[in-house]
Every structure is written in structure tokens, then in C-alpha cells.
Amino acid sequence: MPLNVKANFFEPGKRYFRAFSPGDDFYEALIETHRDLSDEQSAMVNAKLVLLLANHIGDISILREAMKLAREGV
């Protein structure tokens, strides 16, 4: 299965009236996760989040593709 790079945010059972709303909800939750943290704490949260989500995905080939895409242009 290839890496899905199109917007794919949703919350089961929740209806959205605009296509971008689920992404906005995620962004708001992500910002709230980092609120009042130091830069060091925020970096630690990001690292833990990456590892948790990578474990959830599980497919090493998908993770490698995602890492490659994330590095492009950096």
C-alpha cells in the first residue's frame, strides 16, 4: 500500500460541513498538546508522538517513504 499524502483526517461519528475541518481539529489538538511546554519538552513530545504513530502504522516501507518525503527540501 503506498503512502497516503492526501488529507485523510476524520473522527468517527462526527459530521463535518467543510472538507478542511477535520484537519483544523487535528492542528488545534496538536497545538494544545504543545501549549506551555519548553522547546526541549516540545521536542520530546514530538519524538514520542512520531514513535507512537510509527508503531501504529507498523509498515516499515510506508515509514521509510514518509521519512524520505519529510526530508525533502529540508
Protein backbone atom coordinates (compact mmCIF):
# COMPACT_ATOMS: atom_id res chain seq x y z
CA MET A 1 0.00 0.00 0.00
CA PRO A 2 1.52 3.39 -0.93
CA LEU A 3 1.82 6.28 1.50
CA ASN A 4 -1.34 8.40 1.51
CA VAL A 5 -0.28 12.04 1.25
CA LYS A 6 -3.76 13.47 0.66
CA ALA A 7 -5.82 14.93 3.51
CA ASN A 8 -7.21 11.95 5.39
CA PHE A 9 -8.37 13.35 8.74
CA PHE A 10 -11.69 12.29 10.23
CA GLU A 11 -13.30 11.50 13.54
CA PRO A 12 -15.65 8.51 13.58
CA GLY A 13 -19.24 9.53 14.13
CA LYS A 14 -18.59 13.23 13.62
CA ARG A 15 -20.06 15.05 10.61
CA TYR A 16 -18.12 17.88 9.03
CA PHE A 17 -19.58 20.54 6.76
CA ARG A 18 -16.24 21.62 5.28
CA ALA A 19 -13.57 19.27 3.97
CA PHE A 20 -10.74 21.02 5.83
CA SER A 21 -12.43 20.98 9.27
CA PRO A 22 -11.02 17.60 10.43
CA GLY A 23 -7.50 18.83 9.62
CA ASP A 24 -8.20 22.01 11.56
CA ASP A 25 -9.35 19.90 14.53
CA PHE A 26 -6.10 17.91 14.39
CA TYR A 27 -3.96 21.06 14.15
CA GLU A 28 -5.77 22.59 17.13
CA ALA A 29 -5.21 19.41 19.19
CA LEU A 30 -1.53 19.34 18.18
CA ILE A 31 -1.01 22.98 19.20
CA GLU A 32 -2.80 22.34 22.50
CA THR A 33 -0.51 19.34 23.14
CA HIS A 34 2.50 21.70 22.98
CA ARG A 35 0.97 24.59 24.97
CA ASP A 36 3.12 25.76 27.88
CA LEU A 37 5.98 23.35 27.10
CA SER A 38 9.60 24.40 26.80
CA ASP A 39 11.33 23.84 23.46
CA GLU A 40 13.03 20.76 24.94
CA GLN A 41 9.73 19.35 26.24
CA SER A 42 8.04 20.08 22.91
CA ALA A 43 10.80 18.23 21.03
CA MET A 44 10.37 15.26 23.40
CA VAL A 45 6.60 15.23 22.80
CA ASN A 46 7.21 15.28 19.03
CA ALA A 47 9.67 12.40 19.26
CA LYS A 48 7.27 10.33 21.38
CA LEU A 49 4.38 11.12 19.03
CA VAL A 50 6.40 10.04 15.98
CA LEU A 51 7.32 6.74 17.63
CA LEU A 52 3.75 6.05 18.79
CA LEU A 53 2.30 6.75 15.35
CA ALA A 54 5.08 4.80 13.60
CA ASN A 55 4.30 1.82 15.81
CA HIS A 56 0.61 2.17 14.95
CA ILE A 57 1.37 2.25 11.21
CA GLY A 58 3.80 -0.63 11.54
CA ASP A 59 4.65 -0.98 7.83
CA ILE A 60 8.38 -0.22 7.57
CA SER A 61 8.20 0.50 3.83
CA ILE A 62 5.50 3.13 4.42
CA LEU A 63 7.53 4.63 7.25
CA ARG A 64 10.65 4.79 5.05
CA GLU A 65 8.66 6.54 2.32
CA ALA A 66 7.27 9.01 4.86
CA MET A 67 10.75 9.75 6.23
CA LYS A 68 12.08 10.32 2.72
CA LEU A 69 9.24 12.73 1.91
CA ALA A 70 9.69 14.53 5.24
CA ARG A 71 13.38 15.15 4.49
CA GLU A 72 12.82 16.56 1.01
CA GLY A 73 13.58 20.25 0.83
CA VAL A 74 14.89 20.46 4.40
